[in-house]
Amino acid sequence: DHHDDPHPFRESWLTLTSILPGLSWLTLLRLKA
């Protein structure tokens, strides 16, 4: 069974920002790395 993703574009944007230099550090901060 598959459950629909309620925020696919938000998750896609978070994926992009998590891999770009500089922005990836903000992701680490947000996720409490």
PDB file of all heavy atoms in Angstrom:
ATOM      1  N   ASP A   1       0.839  -1.195   0.000  1.00  0.00           N
ATOM      2  CA  ASP A   1       0.000   0.000   0.000  1.00  0.00           C
ATOM      3  C   ASP A   1       0.877   1.249   0.000  1.00  0.00           C
ATOM      4  O   ASP A   1       1.887   1.331   0.705  1.00  0.00           O
ATOM      5  CB  ASP A   1      -0.903   0.017   1.234  1.00  0.00           C
ATOM      6  CG  ASP A   1      -2.001  -1.031   1.142  1.00  0.00           C
ATOM      7  OD1 ASP A   1      -2.365  -1.396   0.009  1.00  0.00           O
ATOM      8  OD2 ASP A   1      -2.466  -1.495   2.200  1.00  0.00           O
ATOM      9  N   HIS A   2       0.467   2.217  -0.786  1.00  0.00           N
ATOM     10  CA  HIS A   2       1.213   3.477  -0.870  1.00  0.00           C
ATOM     11  C   HIS A   2       0.378   4.612  -0.294  1.00  0.00           C
ATOM     12  O   HIS A   2      -0.824   4.716  -0.553  1.00  0.00           O
ATOM     13  CB  HIS A   2       1.555   3.795  -2.329  1.00  0.00           C
ATOM     14  CG  HIS A   2       2.018   5.200  -2.533  1.00  0.00           C
ATOM     15  ND1 HIS A   2       3.266   5.621  -2.140  1.00  0.00           N
ATOM     16  CD2 HIS A   2       1.393   6.289  -3.077  1.00  0.00           C
ATOM     17  CE1 HIS A   2       3.400   6.902  -2.436  1.00  0.00           C
ATOM     18  NE2 HIS A   2       2.280   7.324  -2.999  1.00  0.00           N
ATOM     19  N   HIS A   3       1.012   5.446   0.504  1.00  0.00           N
ATOM     20  CA  HIS A   3       0.346   6.618   1.059  1.00  0.00           C
ATOM     21  C   HIS A   3       0.831   7.861   0.324  1.00  0.00           C
ATOM     22  O   HIS A   3       2.030   8.068   0.149  1.00  0.00           O
ATOM     23  CB  HIS A   3       0.656   6.738   2.555  1.00  0.00           C
ATOM     24  CG  HIS A   3       0.226   5.537   3.348  1.00  0.00           C
ATOM     25  ND1 HIS A   3      -1.091   5.276   3.641  1.00  0.00           N
ATOM     26  CD2 HIS A   3       0.945   4.504   3.879  1.00  0.00           C
ATOM     27  CE1 HIS A   3      -1.180   4.147   4.339  1.00  0.00           C
ATOM     28  NE2 HIS A   3       0.046   3.663   4.490  1.00  0.00           N
ATOM     29  N   ASP A   4      -0.114   8.690  -0.120  1.00  0.00           N
ATOM     30  CA  ASP A   4       0.235   9.884  -0.889  1.00  0.00           C
ATOM     31  C   ASP A   4       1.127  10.819  -0.086  1.00  0.00           C
ATOM     32  O   ASP A   4       0.969  10.984   1.130  1.00  0.00           O
ATOM     33  CB  ASP A   4      -1.034  10.636  -1.315  1.00  0.00           C
ATOM     34  CG  ASP A   4      -1.795   9.910  -2.407  1.00  0.00           C
ATOM     35  OD1 ASP A   4      -1.176   9.061  -3.080  1.00  0.00           O
ATOM     36  OD2 ASP A   4      -2.994  10.188  -2.579  1.00  0.00           O
ATOM     37  N   ASP A   5       2.057  11.434  -0.779  1.00  0.00           N
ATOM     38  CA  ASP A   5       2.934  12.435  -0.175  1.00  0.00           C
ATOM     39  C   ASP A   5       2.184  13.773  -0.190  1.00  0.00           C
ATOM     40  O   ASP A   5       1.860  14.291  -1.253  1.00  0.00           O
ATOM     41  CB  ASP A   5       4.230  12.535  -0.990  1.00  0.00           C
ATOM     42  CG  ASP A   5       5.259  13.447  -0.339  1.00  0.00           C
ATOM     43  OD1 ASP A   5       4.874  14.262   0.512  1.00  0.00           O
ATOM     44  OD2 ASP A   5       6.436  13.350  -0.703  1.00  0.00           O
ATOM     45  N   PRO A   6       1.900  14.356   0.978  1.00  0.00           N
ATOM     46  CA  PRO A   6       1.118  15.600   1.001  1.00  0.00           C
ATOM     47  C   PRO A   6       1.896  16.821   0.522  1.00  0.00           C
ATOM     48  O   PRO A   6       1.294  17.813   0.113  1.00  0.00           O
ATOM     49  CB  PRO A   6       0.726  15.744   2.478  1.00  0.00           C
ATOM     50  CG  PRO A   6       1.795  15.013   3.219  1.00  0.00           C
ATOM     51  CD  PRO A   6       2.199  13.865   2.340  1.00  0.00           C
ATOM     52  N   HIS A   7       3.245  16.750   0.551  1.00  0.00           N
ATOM     53  CA  HIS A   7       4.048  17.920   0.189  1.00  0.00           C
ATOM     54  C   HIS A   7       5.226  17.521  -0.715  1.00  0.00           C
ATOM     55  O   HIS A   7       6.388  17.675  -0.332  1.00  0.00           O
ATOM     56  CB  HIS A   7       4.581  18.601   1.456  1.00  0.00           C
ATOM     57  CG  HIS A   7       3.518  18.982   2.452  1.00  0.00           C
ATOM     58  ND1 HIS A   7       2.588  19.971   2.205  1.00  0.00           N
ATOM     59  CD2 HIS A   7       3.243  18.482   3.686  1.00  0.00           C
ATOM     60  CE1 HIS A   7       1.786  20.082   3.253  1.00  0.00           C
ATOM     61  NE2 HIS A   7       2.150  19.186   4.157  1.00  0.00           N
ATOM     62  N   PRO A   8       4.951  17.035  -1.914  1.00  0.00           N
ATOM     63  CA  PRO A   8       6.058  16.568  -2.770  1.00  0.00           C
ATOM     64  C   PRO A   8       7.007  17.683  -3.198  1.00  0.00           C
ATOM     65  O   PRO A   8       8.227  17.472  -3.276  1.00  0.00           O
ATOM     66  CB  PRO A   8       5.329  15.958  -3.976  1.00  0.00           C
ATOM     67  CG  PRO A   8       3.979  16.622  -3.995  1.00  0.00           C
ATOM     68  CD  PRO A   8       3.645  16.857  -2.552  1.00  0.00           C
ATOM     69  N   PHE A   9       6.472  18.873  -3.480  1.00  0.00           N
ATOM     70  CA  PHE A   9       7.342  19.968  -3.927  1.00  0.00           C
ATOM     71  C   PHE A   9       8.207  20.490  -2.785  1.00  0.00           C
ATOM     72  O   PHE A   9       9.373  20.838  -2.993  1.00  0.00           O
ATOM     73  CB  PHE A   9       6.508  21.099  -4.537  1.00  0.00           C
ATOM     74  CG  PHE A   9       5.979  20.778  -5.900  1.00  0.00           C
ATOM     75  CD1 PHE A   9       4.704  20.247  -6.051  1.00  0.00           C
ATOM     76  CD2 PHE A   9       6.754  20.983  -7.029  1.00  0.00           C
ATOM     77  CE1 PHE A   9       4.218  19.932  -7.311  1.00  0.00           C
ATOM     78  CE2 PHE A   9       6.269  20.676  -8.290  1.00  0.00           C
ATOM     79  CZ  PHE A   9       4.997  20.140  -8.431  1.00  0.00           C
ATOM     80  N   ARG A  10       7.639  20.533  -1.593  1.00  0.00           N
ATOM     81  CA  ARG A  10       8.443  20.964  -0.451  1.00  0.00           C
ATOM     82  C   ARG A  10       9.589  19.989  -0.205  1.00  0.00           C
ATOM     83  O   ARG A  10      10.742  20.402   0.019  1.00  0.00           O
ATOM     84  CB  ARG A  10       7.568  21.056   0.799  1.00  0.00           C
ATOM     85  CG  ARG A  10       8.323  21.615   2.026  1.00  0.00           C
ATOM     86  CD  ARG A  10       7.472  21.571   3.276  1.00  0.00           C
ATOM     87  NE  ARG A  10       7.237  20.187   3.712  1.00  0.00           N
ATOM     88  CZ  ARG A  10       6.457  19.858   4.736  1.00  0.00           C
ATOM     89  NH1 ARG A  10       5.808  20.809   5.412  1.00  0.00           N
ATOM     90  NH2 ARG A  10       6.294  18.588   5.078  1.00  0.00           N
ATOM     91  N   GLU A  11       9.303  18.694  -0.270  1.00  0.00           N
ATOM     92  CA  GLU A  11      10.339  17.695  -0.055  1.00  0.00           C
ATOM     93  C   GLU A  11      11.391  17.747  -1.150  1.00  0.00           C
ATOM     94  O   GLU A  11      12.583  17.560  -0.900  1.00  0.00           O
ATOM     95  CB  GLU A  11       9.714  16.300   0.015  1.00  0.00           C
ATOM     96  CG  GLU A  11       8.835  16.075   1.230  1.00  0.00           C
ATOM     97  CD  GLU A  11       9.610  16.266   2.528  1.00  0.00           C
ATOM     98  OE1 GLU A  11      10.750  15.770   2.632  1.00  0.00           O
ATOM     99  OE2 GLU A  11       9.077  16.929   3.446  1.00  0.00           O
ATOM    100  N   SER A  12      10.954  18.014  -2.372  1.00  0.00           N
ATOM    101  CA  SER A  12      11.900  18.140  -3.479  1.00  0.00           C
ATOM    102  C   SER A  12      12.820  19.347  -3.271  1.00  0.00           C
ATOM    103  O   SER A  12      14.043  19.268  -3.493  1.00  0.00           O
ATOM    104  CB  SER A  12      11.141  18.282  -4.806  1.00  0.00           C
ATOM    105  OG  SER A  12      12.027  18.458  -5.891  1.00  0.00           O
ATOM    106  N   TRP A  13      12.238  20.473  -2.835  1.00  0.00           N
ATOM    107  CA  TRP A  13      13.032  21.683  -2.577  1.00  0.00           C
ATOM    108  C   TRP A  13      14.011  21.452  -1.430  1.00  0.00           C
ATOM    109  O   TRP A  13      15.172  21.858  -1.515  1.00  0.00           O
ATOM    110  CB  TRP A  13      12.098  22.847  -2.257  1.00  0.00           C
ATOM    111  CG  TRP A  13      12.822  24.080  -1.777  1.00  0.00           C
ATOM    112  CD1 TRP A  13      12.825  24.586  -0.512  1.00  0.00           C
ATOM    113  CD2 TRP A  13      13.654  24.936  -2.559  1.00  0.00           C
ATOM    114  NE1 TRP A  13      13.608  25.714  -0.449  1.00  0.00           N
ATOM    115  CE2 TRP A  13      14.135  25.960  -1.699  1.00  0.00           C
ATOM    116  CE3 TRP A  13      14.048  24.960  -3.891  1.00  0.00           C
ATOM    117  CZ2 TRP A  13      14.977  26.964  -2.129  1.00  0.00           C
ATOM    118  CZ3 TRP A  13      14.902  25.966  -4.330  1.00  0.00           C
ATOM    119  CH2 TRP A  13      15.350  26.957  -3.451  1.00  0.00           C
ATOM    120  N   LEU A  14      13.567  20.772  -0.380  1.00  0.00           N
ATOM    121  CA  LEU A  14      14.453  20.487   0.742  1.00  0.00           C
ATOM    122  C   LEU A  14      15.595  19.566   0.307  1.00  0.00           C
ATOM    123  O   LEU A  14      16.728  19.687   0.794  1.00  0.00           O
ATOM    124  CB  LEU A  14      13.668  19.839   1.883  1.00  0.00           C
ATOM    125  CG  LEU A  14      12.687  20.763   2.619  1.00  0.00           C
ATOM    126  CD1 LEU A  14      11.874  19.972   3.643  1.00  0.00           C
ATOM    127  CD2 LEU A  14      13.421  21.920   3.296  1.00  0.00           C
ATOM    128  N   THR A  15      15.303  18.660  -0.612  1.00  0.00           N
ATOM    129  CA  THR A  15      16.363  17.794  -1.138  1.00  0.00           C
ATOM    130  C   THR A  15      17.406  18.614  -1.888  1.00  0.00           C
ATOM    131  O   THR A  15      18.612  18.409  -1.726  1.00  0.00           O
ATOM    132  CB  THR A  15      15.765  16.729  -2.075  1.00  0.00           C
ATOM    133  OG1 THR A  15      14.840  15.914  -1.339  1.00  0.00           O
ATOM    134  CG2 THR A  15      16.855  15.841  -2.664  1.00  0.00           C
ATOM    135  N   LEU A  16      16.947  19.568  -2.703  1.00  0.00           N
ATOM    136  CA  LEU A  16      17.880  20.405  -3.462  1.00  0.00           C
ATOM    137  C   LEU A  16      18.736  21.258  -2.531  1.00  0.00           C
ATOM    138  O   LEU A  16      19.969  21.319  -2.674  1.00  0.00           O
ATOM    139  CB  LEU A  16      17.112  21.299  -4.435  1.00  0.00           C
ATOM    140  CG  LEU A  16      17.956  22.275  -5.267  1.00  0.00           C
ATOM    141  CD1 LEU A  16      18.952  21.516  -6.141  1.00  0.00           C
ATOM    142  CD2 LEU A  16      17.073  23.174  -6.120  1.00  0.00           C
ATOM    143  N   THR A  17      18.104  21.917  -1.569  1.00  0.00           N
ATOM    144  CA  THR A  17      18.864  22.789  -0.672  1.00  0.00           C
ATOM    145  C   THR A  17      19.811  21.999   0.230  1.00  0.00           C
ATOM    146  O   THR A  17      20.810  22.533   0.707  1.00  0.00           O
ATOM    147  CB  THR A  17      17.929  23.639   0.194  1.00  0.00           C
ATOM    148  OG1 THR A  17      17.047  22.771   0.946  1.00  0.00           O
ATOM    149  CG2 THR A  17      17.096  24.579  -0.656  1.00  0.00           C
ATOM    150  N   SER A  18      19.511  20.725   0.437  1.00  0.00           N
ATOM    151  CA  SER A  18      20.355  19.919   1.322  1.00  0.00           C
ATOM    152  C   SER A  18      21.660  19.499   0.672  1.00  0.00           C
ATOM    153  O   SER A  18      22.561  19.000   1.361  1.00  0.00           O
ATOM    154  CB  SER A  18      19.592  18.667   1.775  1.00  0.00           C
ATOM    155  OG  SER A  18      19.429  17.751   0.699  1.00  0.00           O
ATOM    156  N   ILE A  19      21.788  19.680  -0.651  1.00  0.00           N
ATOM    157  CA  ILE A  19      22.995  19.207  -1.335  1.00  0.00           C
ATOM    158  C   ILE A  19      23.861  20.335  -1.877  1.00  0.00           C
ATOM    159  O   ILE A  19      24.997  20.087  -2.294  1.00  0.00           O
ATOM    160  CB  ILE A  19      22.633  18.255  -2.500  1.00  0.00           C
ATOM    161  CG1 ILE A  19      21.758  18.974  -3.541  1.00  0.00           C
ATOM    162  CG2 ILE A  19      21.937  17.011  -1.975  1.00  0.00           C
ATOM    163  CD1 ILE A  19      21.416  18.126  -4.737  1.00  0.00           C
ATOM    164  N   LEU A  20      23.366  21.559  -1.879  1.00  0.00           N
ATOM    165  CA  LEU A  20      24.137  22.664  -2.436  1.00  0.00           C
ATOM    166  C   LEU A  20      25.080  23.238  -1.383  1.00  0.00           C
ATOM    167  O   LEU A  20      24.690  23.422  -0.225  1.00  0.00           O
ATOM    168  CB  LEU A  20      23.198  23.758  -2.952  1.00  0.00           C
ATOM    169  CG  LEU A  20      22.272  23.358  -4.109  1.00  0.00           C
ATOM    170  CD1 LEU A  20      21.373  24.524  -4.480  1.00  0.00           C
ATOM    171  CD2 LEU A  20      23.075  22.892  -5.313  1.00  0.00           C
ATOM    172  N   PRO A  21      26.325  23.525  -1.745  1.00  0.00           N
ATOM    173  CA  PRO A  21      27.280  24.101  -0.785  1.00  0.00           C
ATOM    174  C   PRO A  21      26.709  25.354  -0.126  1.00  0.00           C
ATOM    175  O   PRO A  21      26.100  26.199  -0.774  1.00  0.00           O
ATOM    176  CB  PRO A  21      28.490  24.436  -1.665  1.00  0.00           C
ATOM    177  CG  PRO A  21      28.415  23.461  -2.798  1.00  0.00           C
ATOM    178  CD  PRO A  21      26.941  23.284  -3.077  1.00  0.00           C
ATOM    179  N   GLY A  22      26.893  25.477   1.159  1.00  0.00           N
ATOM    180  CA  GLY A  22      26.348  26.605   1.905  1.00  0.00           C
ATOM    181  C   GLY A  22      24.963  26.283   2.426  1.00  0.00           C
ATOM    182  O   GLY A  22      24.741  26.229   3.645  1.00  0.00           O
ATOM    183  N   LEU A  23      24.033  26.031   1.527  1.00  0.00           N
ATOM    184  CA  LEU A  23      22.671  25.678   1.934  1.00  0.00           C
ATOM    185  C   LEU A  23      22.642  24.334   2.656  1.00  0.00           C
ATOM    186  O   LEU A  23      21.786  24.101   3.518  1.00  0.00           O
ATOM    187  CB  LEU A  23      21.745  25.645   0.717  1.00  0.00           C
ATOM    188  CG  LEU A  23      21.480  26.983   0.018  1.00  0.00           C
ATOM    189  CD1 LEU A  23      20.606  26.781  -1.210  1.00  0.00           C
ATOM    190  CD2 LEU A  23      20.814  27.968   0.980  1.00  0.00           C
ATOM    191  N   SER A  24      23.565  23.455   2.306  1.00  0.00           N
ATOM    192  CA  SER A  24      23.599  22.154   2.974  1.00  0.00           C
ATOM    193  C   SER A  24      23.913  22.318   4.460  1.00  0.00           C
ATOM    194  O   SER A  24      23.449  21.524   5.287  1.00  0.00           O
ATOM    195  CB  SER A  24      24.643  21.246   2.316  1.00  0.00           C
ATOM    196  OG  SER A  24      25.948  21.781   2.452  1.00  0.00           O
ATOM    197  N   TRP A  25      24.683  23.332   4.813  1.00  0.00           N
ATOM    198  CA  TRP A  25      24.983  23.569   6.233  1.00  0.00           C
ATOM    199  C   TRP A  25      23.732  24.036   6.981  1.00  0.00           C
ATOM    200  O   TRP A  25      23.529  23.679   8.145  1.00  0.00           O
ATOM    201  CB  TRP A  25      26.107  24.589   6.372  1.00  0.00           C
ATOM    202  CG  TRP A  25      27.420  24.069   5.862  1.00  0.00           C
ATOM    203  CD1 TRP A  25      27.738  22.762   5.612  1.00  0.00           C
ATOM    204  CD2 TRP A  25      28.573  24.839   5.552  1.00  0.00           C
ATOM    205  NE1 TRP A  25      29.031  22.671   5.153  1.00  0.00           N
ATOM    206  CE2 TRP A  25      29.576  23.914   5.102  1.00  0.00           C
ATOM    207  CE3 TRP A  25      28.882  26.185   5.578  1.00  0.00           C
ATOM    208  CZ2 TRP A  25      30.841  24.338   4.705  1.00  0.00           C
ATOM    209  CZ3 TRP A  25      30.149  26.597   5.193  1.00  0.00           C
ATOM    210  CH2 TRP A  25      31.113  25.679   4.761  1.00  0.00           C
ATOM    211  N   LEU A  26      22.890  24.832   6.294  1.00  0.00           N
ATOM    212  CA  LEU A  26      21.623  25.227   6.914  1.00  0.00           C
ATOM    213  C   LEU A  26      20.741  24.003   7.157  1.00  0.00           C
ATOM    214  O   LEU A  26      20.021  23.931   8.162  1.00  0.00           O
ATOM    215  CB  LEU A  26      20.898  26.232   6.018  1.00  0.00           C
ATOM    216  CG  LEU A  26      21.594  27.578   5.804  1.00  0.00           C
ATOM    217  CD1 LEU A  26      20.768  28.452   4.846  1.00  0.00           C
ATOM    218  CD2 LEU A  26      21.803  28.307   7.130  1.00  0.00           C
ATOM    219  N   THR A  27      20.809  23.065   6.239  1.00  0.00           N
ATOM    220  CA  THR A  27      20.047  21.821   6.415  1.00  0.00           C
ATOM    221  C   THR A  27      20.547  21.037   7.616  1.00  0.00           C
ATOM    222  O   THR A  27      19.756  20.512   8.411  1.00  0.00           O
ATOM    223  CB  THR A  27      20.143  20.954   5.143  1.00  0.00           C
ATOM    224  OG1 THR A  27      19.597  21.676   4.036  1.00  0.00           O
ATOM    225  CG2 THR A  27      19.376  19.651   5.316  1.00  0.00           C
ATOM    226  N   LEU A  28      21.871  20.958   7.766  1.00  0.00           N
ATOM    227  CA  LEU A  28      22.424  20.258   8.929  1.00  0.00           C
ATOM    228  C   LEU A  28      22.004  20.932  10.233  1.00  0.00           C
ATOM    229  O   LEU A  28      21.700  20.257  11.225  1.00  0.00           O
ATOM    230  CB  LEU A  28      23.952  20.205   8.825  1.00  0.00           C
ATOM    231  CG  LEU A  28      24.539  19.325   7.716  1.00  0.00           C
ATOM    232  CD1 LEU A  28      26.061  19.392   7.736  1.00  0.00           C
ATOM    233  CD2 LEU A  28      24.067  17.884   7.850  1.00  0.00           C
ATOM    234  N   LEU A  29      21.967  22.268  10.227  1.00  0.00           N
ATOM    235  CA  LEU A  29      21.506  22.990  11.419  1.00  0.00           C
ATOM    236  C   LEU A  29      20.040  22.692  11.706  1.00  0.00           C
ATOM    237  O   LEU A  29      19.654  22.430  12.847  1.00  0.00           O
ATOM    238  CB  LEU A  29      21.710  24.492  11.236  1.00  0.00           C
ATOM    239  CG  LEU A  29      23.129  25.035  11.374  1.00  0.00           C
ATOM    240  CD1 LEU A  29      23.176  26.510  10.961  1.00  0.00           C
ATOM    241  CD2 LEU A  29      23.629  24.872  12.823  1.00  0.00           C
ATOM    242  N   ARG A  30      19.228  22.750  10.657  1.00  0.00           N
ATOM    243  CA  ARG A  30      17.783  22.535  10.829  1.00  0.00           C
ATOM    244  C   ARG A  30      17.476  21.126  11.316  1.00  0.00           C
ATOM    245  O   ARG A  30      16.546  20.915  12.093  1.00  0.00           O
ATOM    246  CB  ARG A  30      17.068  22.795   9.491  1.00  0.00           C
ATOM    247  CG  ARG A  30      15.554  22.664   9.547  1.00  0.00           C
ATOM    248  CD  ARG A  30      14.921  23.093   8.235  1.00  0.00           C
ATOM    249  NE  ARG A  30      15.440  22.329   7.118  1.00  0.00           N
ATOM    250  CZ  ARG A  30      14.999  21.113   6.773  1.00  0.00           C
ATOM    251  NH1 ARG A  30      14.040  20.534   7.481  1.00  0.00           N
ATOM    252  NH2 ARG A  30      15.506  20.496   5.735  1.00  0.00           N
ATOM    253  N   LEU A  31      18.263  20.156  10.860  1.00  0.00           N
ATOM    254  CA  LEU A  31      18.018  18.764  11.234  1.00  0.00           C
ATOM    255  C   LEU A  31      18.765  18.347  12.496  1.00  0.00           C
ATOM    256  O   LEU A  31      18.765  17.171  12.852  1.00  0.00           O
ATOM    257  CB  LEU A  31      18.404  17.845  10.065  1.00  0.00           C
ATOM    258  CG  LEU A  31      17.586  18.012   8.781  1.00  0.00           C
ATOM    259  CD1 LEU A  31      18.109  17.108   7.680  1.00  0.00           C
ATOM    260  CD2 LEU A  31      16.103  17.722   9.042  1.00  0.00           C
ATOM    261  N   LYS A  32      19.406  19.349  13.142  1.00  0.00           N
ATOM    262  CA  LYS A  32      20.129  19.081  14.396  1.00  0.00           C
ATOM    263  C   LYS A  32      21.171  17.977  14.229  1.00  0.00           C
ATOM    264  O   LYS A  32      21.204  16.978  14.979  1.00  0.00           O
ATOM    265  CB  LYS A  32      19.147  18.725  15.510  1.00  0.00           C
ATOM    266  CG  LYS A  32      18.180  19.853  15.861  1.00  0.00           C
ATOM    267  CD  LYS A  32      17.249  19.430  16.981  1.00  0.00           C
ATOM    268  CE  LYS A  32      16.366  20.590  17.440  1.00  0.00           C
ATOM    269  NZ  LYS A  32      15.499  21.112  16.378  1.00  0.00           N
ATOM    270  N   ALA A  33      22.014  18.161  13.230  1.00  0.00           N
ATOM    271  CA  ALA A  33      23.066  17.179  12.959  1.00  0.00           C
ATOM    272  C   ALA A  33      24.042  17.104  14.121  1.00  0.00           C
ATOM    273  O   ALA A  33      24.302  18.097  14.808  1.00  0.00           O
ATOM    274  CB  ALA A  33      23.814  17.558  11.672  1.00  0.00           C
TER     275      ALA A  33
END
